Amino acid sequence: MESNMARIGFIGLGNMGGGMAANLAKAGHDVRAFDLSADALAKAKSAGCLPMESAAAAAEGAEAIVTMLPAGAHVEATYEDALFGTATPGALLIDCSTIDVATAKRVAEAAAAKGLVAVDAPVSGGIAAANAGTLTFMVGGSDEAYARAATILGEMGKAVIRAGANGAGQAAKICNNMLLGASMVATCEAFLLADKLGLEAQRFYDIASVSSGQSWSMTSYCPVPGVGPDTPADRDYQGGFAVALMLKDLKLAAQAAAETGAQTPMGARAAELYQAFADAGQAGLDFSGIIKMLGDTPSA
């Protein structure tokens, strides 16, 4: 048993990182945690982690260092300022943040030059899954790095999937969430049109959920209250996946599309709509709440 336990540095204990670090501690790992927030550190301590005074202190002597930070600039600064000069040679750097592909590749190359091993491992699943240890991880890195990371990621998730080389995990995340954002808008439009045509929401759901228009946005995350499984729509669009986070991912997708010359008109339009919804003061609502901007929400 003891041989499977690792010393793990964990940097970034926000809504997602806090639950993830707690699950690593629950699994028996020696988790050295750091966050700028004293409250987050206190929660981590109560969950079995050892609070540290800096990112560098959390990284010192660790076999693996997990980062869960807001954006690429934070990841790059943390790697350069705190990890590269502190981490043990051969240590595994696991970045679970959602950042741009170019930065993910750049920090992995910089890590390799320092004798460290890096993977990008963004997550899908949200706060509830982070707390429950049922996240999905999309991993970019070498076969060897993936094998090492999978052991640790498996303590925090239900699925750990190698996407390809460094940067591929981020590519998978932003492509997936661009598809999700666009399909949610289309699902909302369909329910609103059905309502205008006098078709009851539940009857439309019963038909579309087993027809060619079926999607995850409809059958797992229905934006109409009282229809389908329990979703944020049933809690006035509280909780879930915030509009601000969806917008962040759509902007990353748009950036990637511009850099690669990919044509993503639906993704671009989804970004515009979510930007307008956020600008209207709804950035904290679940992303399915965009139905409220598009029309009067139908009832079941």
C-alpha atoms as a PDB file:
ATOM      1  CA  MET A   1       0.000   0.000   0.000  1.00  0.00           C
ATOM      2  CA  GLU A   2       2.676   2.479   1.016  1.00  0.00           C
ATOM      3  CA  SER A   3       4.510   2.131  -2.293  1.00  0.00           C
ATOM      4  CA  ASN A   4       1.511   3.605  -4.114  1.00  0.00           C
ATOM      5  CA  MET A   5       1.427   6.720  -1.980  1.00  0.00           C
ATOM      6  CA  ALA A   6       3.105   9.788  -3.438  1.00  0.00           C
ATOM      7  CA  ARG A   7       4.049  13.250  -2.298  1.00  0.00           C
ATOM      8  CA  ILE A   8       2.029  15.562  -4.520  1.00  0.00           C
ATOM      9  CA  GLY A   9       2.229  19.333  -4.748  1.00  0.00           C
ATOM     10  CA  PHE A  10      -1.116  20.944  -5.573  1.00  0.00           C
ATOM     11  CA  ILE A  11      -1.267  24.574  -6.672  1.00  0.00           C
ATOM     12  CA  GLY A  12      -4.650  26.246  -7.149  1.00  0.00           C
ATOM     13  CA  LEU A  13      -7.416  25.306  -4.716  1.00  0.00           C
ATOM     14  CA  GLY A  14     -10.422  27.047  -6.248  1.00  0.00           C
ATOM     15  CA  ASN A  15     -13.864  25.580  -6.951  1.00  0.00           C
ATOM     16  CA  MET A  16     -12.339  22.730  -8.927  1.00  0.00           C
ATOM     17  CA  GLY A  17      -8.884  22.371  -7.401  1.00  0.00           C
ATOM     18  CA  GLY A  18     -10.139  22.231  -3.833  1.00  0.00           C
ATOM     19  CA  GLY A  19     -12.183  19.099  -4.415  1.00  0.00           C
ATOM     20  CA  MET A  20      -9.480  17.507  -6.538  1.00  0.00           C
ATOM     21  CA  ALA A  21      -6.787  17.998  -3.893  1.00  0.00           C
ATOM     22  CA  ALA A  22      -9.138  16.646  -1.238  1.00  0.00           C
ATOM     23  CA  ASN A  23      -9.632  13.450  -3.237  1.00  0.00           C
ATOM     24  CA  LEU A  24      -5.869  12.940  -3.559  1.00  0.00           C
ATOM     25  CA  ALA A  25      -5.517  13.315   0.208  1.00  0.00           C
ATOM     26  CA  LYS A  26      -8.463  10.963   0.747  1.00  0.00           C
ATOM     27  CA  ALA A  27      -6.650   8.379  -1.407  1.00  0.00           C
ATOM     28  CA  GLY A  28      -3.758   8.522   1.041  1.00  0.00           C
ATOM     29  CA  HIS A  29      -1.298  10.744  -0.812  1.00  0.00           C
ATOM     30  CA  ASP A  30       0.869  13.301   0.967  1.00  0.00           C
ATOM     31  CA  VAL A  31      -0.617  16.447  -0.584  1.00  0.00           C
ATOM     32  CA  ARG A  32       1.269  19.731  -0.102  1.00  0.00           C
ATOM     33  CA  ALA A  33      -1.179  22.445  -1.142  1.00  0.00           C
ATOM     34  CA  PHE A  34      -0.905  26.126  -1.990  1.00  0.00           C
ATOM     35  CA  ASP A  35      -3.369  28.843  -2.941  1.00  0.00           C
ATOM     36  CA  LEU A  36      -3.374  32.620  -2.583  1.00  0.00           C
ATOM     37  CA  SER A  37      -6.647  32.330  -0.643  1.00  0.00           C
ATOM     38  CA  ALA A  38      -6.362  31.684   3.098  1.00  0.00           C
ATOM     39  CA  ASP A  39      -9.903  30.263   3.094  1.00  0.00           C
ATOM     40  CA  ALA A  40      -8.990  27.789   0.347  1.00  0.00           C
ATOM     41  CA  LEU A  41      -5.917  26.704   2.317  1.00  0.00           C
ATOM     42  CA  ALA A  42      -8.010  26.225   5.446  1.00  0.00           C
ATOM     43  CA  LYS A  43     -10.475  24.034   3.540  1.00  0.00           C
ATOM     44  CA  ALA A  44      -7.608  22.019   2.078  1.00  0.00           C
ATOM     45  CA  LYS A  45      -6.171  21.490   5.554  1.00  0.00           C
ATOM     46  CA  SER A  46      -9.513  20.237   6.860  1.00  0.00           C
ATOM     47  CA  ALA A  47      -9.600  17.823   3.893  1.00  0.00           C
ATOM     48  CA  GLY A  48      -6.265  16.305   4.841  1.00  0.00           C
ATOM     49  CA  CYS A  49      -3.823  18.388   2.805  1.00  0.00           C
ATOM     50  CA  LEU A  50      -0.781  20.147   4.269  1.00  0.00           C
ATOM     51  CA  PRO A  51      -0.995  23.899   3.558  1.00  0.00           C
ATOM     52  CA  MET A  52       2.225  25.472   2.289  1.00  0.00           C
ATOM     53  CA  GLU A  53       3.276  29.116   2.221  1.00  0.00           C
ATOM     54  CA  SER A  54       4.195  29.230  -1.476  1.00  0.00           C
ATOM     55  CA  ALA A  55       3.912  27.345  -4.754  1.00  0.00           C
ATOM     56  CA  ALA A  56       7.637  26.592  -4.587  1.00  0.00           C
ATOM     57  CA  ALA A  57       7.262  25.104  -1.108  1.00  0.00           C
ATOM     58  CA  ALA A  58       4.405  22.915  -2.323  1.00  0.00           C
ATOM     59  CA  ALA A  59       6.571  21.681  -5.201  1.00  0.00           C
ATOM     60  CA  GLU A  60       9.677  20.921  -3.192  1.00  0.00           C
ATOM     61  CA  GLY A  61      10.362  17.194  -2.974  1.00  0.00           C
ATOM     62  CA  ALA A  62       7.135  16.268  -4.756  1.00  0.00           C
ATOM     63  CA  GLU A  63       6.976  13.352  -7.187  1.00  0.00           C
ATOM     64  CA  ALA A  64       4.149  15.101  -9.028  1.00  0.00           C
ATOM     65  CA  ILE A  65       2.859  18.679  -9.042  1.00  0.00           C
ATOM     66  CA  VAL A  66      -0.718  19.431 -10.079  1.00  0.00           C
ATOM     67  CA  THR A  67      -1.713  22.938 -11.153  1.00  0.00           C
ATOM     68  CA  MET A  68      -5.314  24.172 -11.482  1.00  0.00           C
ATOM     69  CA  LEU A  69      -5.083  27.828 -12.459  1.00  0.00           C
ATOM     70  CA  PRO A  70      -7.256  30.380 -14.312  1.00  0.00           C
ATOM     71  CA  ALA A  71      -5.307  30.911 -17.543  1.00  0.00           C
ATOM     72  CA  GLY A  72      -2.163  30.178 -19.508  1.00  0.00           C
ATOM     73  CA  ALA A  73      -0.334  33.224 -18.161  1.00  0.00           C
ATOM     74  CA  HIS A  74      -0.767  31.946 -14.592  1.00  0.00           C
ATOM     75  CA  VAL A  75       0.469  28.471 -15.519  1.00  0.00           C
ATOM     76  CA  GLU A  76       3.528  29.799 -17.339  1.00  0.00           C
ATOM     77  CA  ALA A  77       4.418  32.189 -14.513  1.00  0.00           C
ATOM     78  CA  THR A  78       4.010  29.467 -11.876  1.00  0.00           C
ATOM     79  CA  TYR A  79       6.173  27.040 -13.833  1.00  0.00           C
ATOM     80  CA  GLU A  80       8.925  29.593 -14.437  1.00  0.00           C
ATOM     81  CA  ASP A  81       8.865  31.378 -11.081  1.00  0.00           C
ATOM     82  CA  ALA A  82       8.079  28.548  -8.672  1.00  0.00           C
ATOM     83  CA  LEU A  83       8.489  25.101 -10.180  1.00  0.00           C
ATOM     84  CA  PHE A  84      11.491  25.068 -12.520  1.00  0.00           C
ATOM     85  CA  GLY A  85      13.931  26.084  -9.832  1.00  0.00           C
ATOM     86  CA  THR A  86      12.425  23.901  -7.109  1.00  0.00           C
ATOM     87  CA  ALA A  87      10.984  20.681  -8.509  1.00  0.00           C
ATOM     88  CA  THR A  88      12.988  17.478  -8.161  1.00  0.00           C
ATOM     89  CA  PRO A  89      14.572  16.341 -11.478  1.00  0.00           C
ATOM     90  CA  GLY A  90      12.223  13.926 -13.203  1.00  0.00           C
ATOM     91  CA  ALA A  91       9.171  15.214 -11.338  1.00  0.00           C
ATOM     92  CA  LEU A  92       5.867  15.056 -13.204  1.00  0.00           C
ATOM     93  CA  LEU A  93       4.024  18.335 -13.859  1.00  0.00           C
ATOM     94  CA  ILE A  94       0.289  17.840 -14.406  1.00  0.00           C
ATOM     95  CA  ASP A  95      -1.545  20.974 -15.529  1.00  0.00           C
ATOM     96  CA  CYS A  96      -5.306  20.534 -15.158  1.00  0.00           C
ATOM     97  CA  SER A  97      -6.095  24.152 -16.057  1.00  0.00           C
ATOM     98  CA  THR A  98      -7.911  24.944 -19.297  1.00  0.00           C
ATOM     99  CA  ILE A  99      -5.488  27.086 -21.298  1.00  0.00           C
ATOM    100  CA  ASP A 100      -4.517  27.803 -24.898  1.00  0.00           C
ATOM    101  CA  VAL A 101      -2.798  25.041 -26.835  1.00  0.00           C
ATOM    102  CA  ALA A 102       0.277  27.123 -27.692  1.00  0.00           C
ATOM    103  CA  THR A 103       1.053  27.839 -24.039  1.00  0.00           C
ATOM    104  CA  ALA A 104       0.513  24.183 -23.106  1.00  0.00           C
ATOM    105  CA  LYS A 105       3.083  23.134 -25.701  1.00  0.00           C
ATOM    106  CA  ARG A 106       5.506  25.883 -24.719  1.00  0.00           C
ATOM    107  CA  VAL A 107       5.528  25.096 -20.986  1.00  0.00           C
ATOM    108  CA  ALA A 108       5.916  21.368 -21.700  1.00  0.00           C
ATOM    109  CA  GLU A 109       8.994  22.069 -23.840  1.00  0.00           C
ATOM    110  CA  ALA A 110      10.407  24.370 -21.156  1.00  0.00           C
ATOM    111  CA  ALA A 111       9.793  21.689 -18.519  1.00  0.00           C
ATOM    112  CA  ALA A 112      11.580  19.060 -20.596  1.00  0.00           C
ATOM    113  CA  ALA A 113      14.578  21.385 -20.932  1.00  0.00           C
ATOM    114  CA  LYS A 114      14.708  21.526 -17.120  1.00  0.00           C
ATOM    115  CA  GLY A 115      14.669  17.741 -16.790  1.00  0.00           C
ATOM    116  CA  LEU A 116      10.993  17.615 -15.820  1.00  0.00           C
ATOM    117  CA  VAL A 117       8.086  15.759 -17.421  1.00  0.00           C
ATOM    118  CA  ALA A 118       4.873  17.652 -18.254  1.00  0.00           C
ATOM    119  CA  VAL A 119       1.363  16.781 -19.359  1.00  0.00           C
ATOM    120  CA  ASP A 120      -1.683  18.933 -20.014  1.00  0.00           C
ATOM    121  CA  ALA A 121      -4.748  17.315 -18.452  1.00  0.00           C
ATOM    122  CA  PRO A 122      -7.785  19.619 -18.602  1.00  0.00           C
ATOM    123  CA  VAL A 123     -10.987  18.320 -17.069  1.00  0.00           C
ATOM    124  CA  SER A 124     -14.641  17.877 -17.894  1.00  0.00           C
ATOM    125  CA  GLY A 125     -17.314  17.455 -15.261  1.00  0.00           C
ATOM    126  CA  GLY A 126     -17.645  20.603 -13.172  1.00  0.00           C
ATOM    127  CA  ILE A 127     -17.529  21.305  -9.442  1.00  0.00           C
ATOM    128  CA  ALA A 128     -19.772  18.427  -8.348  1.00  0.00           C
ATOM    129  CA  ALA A 129     -17.620  15.922 -10.262  1.00  0.00           C
ATOM    130  CA  ALA A 130     -14.445  17.476  -8.842  1.00  0.00           C
ATOM    131  CA  ASN A 131     -15.788  16.948  -5.336  1.00  0.00           C
ATOM    132  CA  ALA A 132     -17.053  13.444  -6.101  1.00  0.00           C
ATOM    133  CA  GLY A 133     -13.879  12.334  -7.898  1.00  0.00           C
ATOM    134  CA  THR A 134     -15.751  11.607 -11.136  1.00  0.00           C
ATOM    135  CA  LEU A 135     -14.038  14.013 -13.537  1.00  0.00           C
ATOM    136  CA  THR A 136     -12.929  13.138 -17.059  1.00  0.00           C
ATOM    137  CA  PHE A 137      -9.317  14.043 -17.895  1.00  0.00           C
ATOM    138  CA  MET A 138      -8.065  14.601 -21.461  1.00  0.00           C
ATOM    139  CA  VAL A 139      -4.306  14.185 -21.410  1.00  0.00           C
ATOM    140  CA  GLY A 140      -1.623  15.506 -23.748  1.00  0.00           C
ATOM    141  CA  GLY A 141       1.882  14.098 -23.363  1.00  0.00           C
ATOM    142  CA  SER A 142       4.176  11.205 -24.151  1.00  0.00           C
ATOM    143  CA  ASP A 143       3.101   7.597 -23.558  1.00  0.00           C
ATOM    144  CA  GLU A 144       5.398   7.386 -20.537  1.00  0.00           C
ATOM    145  CA  ALA A 145       4.182  10.679 -19.074  1.00  0.00           C
ATOM    146  CA  TYR A 146       0.573   9.678 -19.629  1.00  0.00           C
ATOM    147  CA  ALA A 147       1.124   6.357 -17.844  1.00  0.00           C
ATOM    148  CA  ARG A 148       2.590   8.174 -14.832  1.00  0.00           C
ATOM    149  CA  ALA A 149      -0.118  10.821 -14.790  1.00  0.00           C
ATOM    150  CA  ALA A 150      -2.989   8.352 -15.207  1.00  0.00           C
ATOM    151  CA  THR A 151      -2.242   6.770 -11.839  1.00  0.00           C
ATOM    152  CA  ILE A 152      -2.709  10.112 -10.082  1.00  0.00           C
ATOM    153  CA  LEU A 153      -5.544  11.417 -12.246  1.00  0.00           C
ATOM    154  CA  GLY A 154      -7.440   8.195 -11.667  1.00  0.00           C
ATOM    155  CA  GLU A 155      -7.754   9.151  -7.996  1.00  0.00           C
ATOM    156  CA  MET A 156      -9.679  12.271  -9.051  1.00  0.00           C
ATOM    157  CA  GLY A 157     -11.732  11.032 -11.981  1.00  0.00           C
ATOM    158  CA  LYS A 158     -13.770   8.301 -13.600  1.00  0.00           C
ATOM    159  CA  ALA A 159     -12.064   8.518 -16.999  1.00  0.00           C
ATOM    160  CA  VAL A 160      -8.496   9.376 -18.011  1.00  0.00           C
ATOM    161  CA  ILE A 161      -8.001   9.458 -21.784  1.00  0.00           C
ATOM    162  CA  ARG A 162      -4.817  10.183 -23.706  1.00  0.00           C
ATOM    163  CA  ALA A 163      -5.556  12.697 -26.446  1.00  0.00           C
ATOM    164  CA  GLY A 164      -2.079  12.716 -27.995  1.00  0.00           C
ATOM    165  CA  ALA A 165       1.129  14.709 -27.624  1.00  0.00           C
ATOM    166  CA  ASN A 166       1.544  17.790 -25.422  1.00  0.00           C
ATOM    167  CA  GLY A 167      -1.212  20.294 -26.186  1.00  0.00           C
ATOM    168  CA  ALA A 168      -3.649  17.642 -27.414  1.00  0.00           C
ATOM    169  CA  GLY A 169      -5.483  17.558 -24.091  1.00  0.00           C
ATOM    170  CA  GLN A 170      -6.199  21.286 -24.383  1.00  0.00           C
ATOM    171  CA  ALA A 171      -7.202  20.847 -28.022  1.00  0.00           C
ATOM    172  CA  ALA A 172      -9.707  18.162 -27.038  1.00  0.00           C
ATOM    173  CA  LYS A 173     -11.146  20.315 -24.256  1.00  0.00           C
ATOM    174  CA  ILE A 174     -11.735  23.437 -26.327  1.00  0.00           C
ATOM    175  CA  CYS A 175     -13.127  21.513 -29.310  1.00  0.00           C
ATOM    176  CA  ASN A 176     -15.477  19.599 -27.016  1.00  0.00           C
ATOM    177  CA  ASN A 177     -16.692  22.734 -25.270  1.00  0.00           C
ATOM    178  CA  MET A 178     -17.133  24.644 -28.511  1.00  0.00           C
ATOM    179  CA  LEU A 179     -19.408  21.826 -29.631  1.00  0.00           C
ATOM    180  CA  LEU A 180     -21.209  21.910 -26.282  1.00  0.00           C
ATOM    181  CA  GLY A 181     -21.738  25.672 -26.364  1.00  0.00           C
ATOM    182  CA  ALA A 182     -23.083  25.681 -29.908  1.00  0.00           C
ATOM    183  CA  SER A 183     -25.308  22.628 -29.339  1.00  0.00           C
ATOM    184  CA  MET A 184     -26.792  24.144 -26.184  1.00  0.00           C
ATOM    185  CA  VAL A 185     -27.768  27.304 -28.042  1.00  0.00           C
ATOM    186  CA  ALA A 186     -29.372  25.213 -30.793  1.00  0.00           C
ATOM    187  CA  THR A 187     -31.195  23.082 -28.204  1.00  0.00           C
ATOM    188  CA  CYS A 188     -32.583  26.219 -26.547  1.00  0.00           C
ATOM    189  CA  GLU A 189     -33.705  27.564 -29.935  1.00  0.00           C
ATOM    190  CA  ALA A 190     -35.479  24.314 -30.760  1.00  0.00           C
ATOM    191  CA  PHE A 191     -37.442  24.282 -27.496  1.00  0.00           C
ATOM    192  CA  LEU A 192     -38.396  27.939 -27.937  1.00  0.00           C
ATOM    193  CA  LEU A 193     -39.555  27.408 -31.519  1.00  0.00           C
ATOM    194  CA  ALA A 194     -41.500  24.312 -30.496  1.00  0.00           C
ATOM    195  CA  ASP A 195     -43.238  26.389 -27.823  1.00  0.00           C
ATOM    196  CA  LYS A 196     -44.139  29.115 -30.341  1.00  0.00           C
ATOM    197  CA  LEU A 197     -45.611  26.419 -32.561  1.00  0.00           C
ATOM    198  CA  GLY A 198     -47.788  25.158 -29.721  1.00  0.00           C
ATOM    199  CA  LEU A 199     -45.774  21.991 -29.099  1.00  0.00           C
ATOM    200  CA  GLU A 200     -45.449  21.164 -25.401  1.00  0.00           C
ATOM    201  CA  ALA A 201     -41.872  21.022 -24.130  1.00  0.00           C
ATOM    202  CA  GLN A 202     -42.252  17.540 -22.646  1.00  0.00           C
ATOM    203  CA  ARG A 203     -43.757  16.156 -25.856  1.00  0.00           C
ATOM    204  CA  PHE A 204     -40.999  17.738 -27.945  1.00  0.00           C
ATOM    205  CA  TYR A 205     -38.419  16.227 -25.577  1.00  0.00           C
ATOM    206  CA  ASP A 206     -40.049  12.797 -25.819  1.00  0.00           C
ATOM    207  CA  ILE A 207     -39.759  12.962 -29.603  1.00  0.00           C
ATOM    208  CA  ALA A 208     -36.407  14.704 -30.152  1.00  0.00           C
ATOM    209  CA  SER A 209     -34.652  12.705 -27.417  1.00  0.00           C
ATOM    210  CA  VAL A 210     -35.119   9.532 -29.484  1.00  0.00           C
ATOM    211  CA  SER A 211     -34.783  11.180 -32.900  1.00  0.00           C
ATOM    212  CA  SER A 212     -31.937  12.564 -34.987  1.00  0.00           C
ATOM    213  CA  GLY A 213     -31.878  15.875 -33.109  1.00  0.00           C
ATOM    214  CA  GLN A 214     -30.864  14.157 -29.865  1.00  0.00           C
ATOM    215  CA  SER A 215     -27.816  15.615 -28.105  1.00  0.00           C
ATOM    216  CA  TRP A 216     -26.201  15.680 -24.669  1.00  0.00           C
ATOM    217  CA  SER A 217     -27.494  19.230 -24.246  1.00  0.00           C
ATOM    218  CA  MET A 218     -31.030  17.914 -24.579  1.00  0.00           C
ATOM    219  CA  THR A 219     -31.060  14.559 -22.818  1.00  0.00           C
ATOM    220  CA  SER A 220     -28.428  15.020 -20.077  1.00  0.00           C
ATOM    221  CA  TYR A 221     -28.614  18.770 -19.501  1.00  0.00           C
ATOM    222  CA  CYS A 222     -32.018  19.931 -20.688  1.00  0.00           C
ATOM    223  CA  PRO A 223     -32.328  23.740 -20.500  1.00  0.00           C
ATOM    224  CA  VAL A 224     -36.084  23.586 -19.793  1.00  0.00           C
ATOM    225  CA  PRO A 225     -37.196  23.243 -16.151  1.00  0.00           C
ATOM    226  CA  GLY A 226     -39.068  20.052 -15.339  1.00  0.00           C
ATOM    227  CA  VAL A 227     -38.032  18.255 -18.529  1.00  0.00           C
ATOM    228  CA  GLY A 228     -35.522  15.404 -18.599  1.00  0.00           C
ATOM    229  CA  PRO A 229     -33.192  14.615 -15.675  1.00  0.00           C
ATOM    230  CA  ASP A 230     -32.497  17.076 -12.856  1.00  0.00           C
ATOM    231  CA  THR A 231     -30.365  19.935 -14.202  1.00  0.00           C
ATOM    232  CA  PRO A 232     -29.499  23.539 -13.227  1.00  0.00           C
ATOM    233  CA  ALA A 233     -32.645  24.563 -15.139  1.00  0.00           C
ATOM    234  CA  ASP A 234     -34.589  23.074 -12.231  1.00  0.00           C
ATOM    235  CA  ARG A 235     -32.713  25.377  -9.813  1.00  0.00           C
ATOM    236  CA  ASP A 236     -33.246  28.616 -11.722  1.00  0.00           C
ATOM    237  CA  TYR A 237     -29.947  27.990 -13.554  1.00  0.00           C
ATOM    238  CA  GLN A 238     -27.850  28.175 -10.392  1.00  0.00           C
ATOM    239  CA  GLY A 239     -24.703  26.058 -10.074  1.00  0.00           C
ATOM    240  CA  GLY A 240     -23.487  23.887 -12.925  1.00  0.00           C
ATOM    241  CA  PHE A 241     -21.082  25.302 -15.510  1.00  0.00           C
ATOM    242  CA  ALA A 242     -20.957  29.086 -15.349  1.00  0.00           C
ATOM    243  CA  VAL A 243     -21.517  31.234 -18.439  1.00  0.00           C
ATOM    244  CA  ALA A 244     -18.160  32.924 -17.724  1.00  0.00           C
ATOM    245  CA  LEU A 245     -16.360  29.588 -17.995  1.00  0.00           C
ATOM    246  CA  MET A 246     -18.162  28.580 -21.181  1.00  0.00           C
ATOM    247  CA  LEU A 247     -17.277  31.955 -22.661  1.00  0.00           C
ATOM    248  CA  LYS A 248     -13.626  31.462 -21.689  1.00  0.00           C
ATOM    249  CA  ASP A 249     -13.552  28.131 -23.543  1.00  0.00           C
ATOM    250  CA  LEU A 250     -15.334  29.539 -26.594  1.00  0.00           C
ATOM    251  CA  LYS A 251     -12.775  32.356 -26.745  1.00  0.00           C
ATOM    252  CA  LEU A 252      -9.938  29.821 -26.545  1.00  0.00           C
ATOM    253  CA  ALA A 253     -11.569  27.933 -29.415  1.00  0.00           C
ATOM    254  CA  ALA A 254     -11.876  31.133 -31.443  1.00  0.00           C
ATOM    255  CA  GLN A 255      -8.206  31.934 -30.767  1.00  0.00           C
ATOM    256  CA  ALA A 256      -7.173  28.448 -31.869  1.00  0.00           C
ATOM    257  CA  ALA A 257      -9.332  28.724 -34.994  1.00  0.00           C
ATOM    258  CA  ALA A 258      -7.720  32.051 -35.903  1.00  0.00           C
ATOM    259  CA  GLU A 259      -4.228  30.639 -35.372  1.00  0.00           C
ATOM    260  CA  THR A 260      -4.869  27.550 -37.490  1.00  0.00           C
ATOM    261  CA  GLY A 261      -7.170  28.992 -40.156  1.00  0.00           C
ATOM    262  CA  ALA A 262     -10.060  26.714 -39.145  1.00  0.00           C
ATOM    263  CA  GLN A 263     -13.576  27.798 -40.095  1.00  0.00           C
ATOM    264  CA  THR A 264     -15.804  27.766 -36.979  1.00  0.00           C
ATOM    265  CA  PRO A 265     -18.842  29.945 -37.754  1.00  0.00           C
ATOM    266  CA  MET A 266     -21.135  28.184 -35.274  1.00  0.00           C
ATOM    267  CA  GLY A 267     -18.524  28.361 -32.536  1.00  0.00           C
ATOM    268  CA  ALA A 268     -17.972  32.046 -33.263  1.00  0.00           C
ATOM    269  CA  ARG A 269     -21.702  32.788 -33.116  1.00  0.00           C
ATOM    270  CA  ALA A 270     -22.030  30.869 -29.851  1.00  0.00           C
ATOM    271  CA  ALA A 271     -19.211  32.987 -28.420  1.00  0.00           C
ATOM    272  CA  GLU A 272     -21.033  36.170 -29.455  1.00  0.00           C
ATOM    273  CA  LEU A 273     -24.269  35.021 -27.825  1.00  0.00           C
ATOM    274  CA  TYR A 274     -22.609  33.982 -24.586  1.00  0.00           C
ATOM    275  CA  GLN A 275     -20.683  37.274 -24.535  1.00  0.00           C
ATOM    276  CA  ALA A 276     -23.973  39.185 -24.805  1.00  0.00           C
ATOM    277  CA  PHE A 277     -25.474  37.052 -22.024  1.00  0.00           C
ATOM    278  CA  ALA A 278     -22.463  37.683 -19.788  1.00  0.00           C
ATOM    279  CA  ASP A 279     -22.551  41.404 -20.583  1.00  0.00           C
ATOM    280  CA  ALA A 280     -26.195  41.418 -19.439  1.00  0.00           C
ATOM    281  CA  GLY A 281     -24.999  40.450 -15.963  1.00  0.00           C
ATOM    282  CA  GLN A 282     -25.560  36.706 -16.229  1.00  0.00           C
ATOM    283  CA  ALA A 283     -21.941  35.478 -16.188  1.00  0.00           C
ATOM    284  CA  GLY A 284     -22.553  33.555 -12.968  1.00  0.00           C
ATOM    285  CA  LEU A 285     -25.561  31.583 -14.230  1.00  0.00           C
ATOM    286  CA  ASP A 286     -25.274  28.082 -15.642  1.00  0.00           C
ATOM    287  CA  PHE A 287     -24.629  28.186 -19.380  1.00  0.00           C
ATOM    288  CA  SER A 288     -27.978  26.524 -20.176  1.00  0.00           C
ATOM    289  CA  GLY A 289     -29.596  29.686 -18.803  1.00  0.00           C
ATOM    290  CA  ILE A 290     -28.929  31.352 -22.155  1.00  0.00           C
ATOM    291  CA  ILE A 291     -32.425  30.159 -23.046  1.00  0.00           C
ATOM    292  CA  LYS A 292     -33.639  33.120 -20.956  1.00  0.00           C
ATOM    293  CA  MET A 293     -31.919  35.544 -23.337  1.00  0.00           C
ATOM    294  CA  LEU A 294     -33.372  33.885 -26.415  1.00  0.00           C
ATOM    295  CA  GLY A 295     -37.022  33.923 -25.331  1.00  0.00           C
ATOM    296  CA  ASP A 296     -39.554  33.128 -22.624  1.00  0.00           C
ATOM    297  CA  THR A 297     -38.585  29.788 -21.154  1.00  0.00           C
ATOM    298  CA  PRO A 298     -41.291  27.198 -21.884  1.00  0.00           C
ATOM    299  CA  SER A 299     -42.650  25.056 -19.093  1.00  0.00           C
ATOM    300  CA  ALA A 300     -42.905  21.297 -18.949  1.00  0.00           C
END
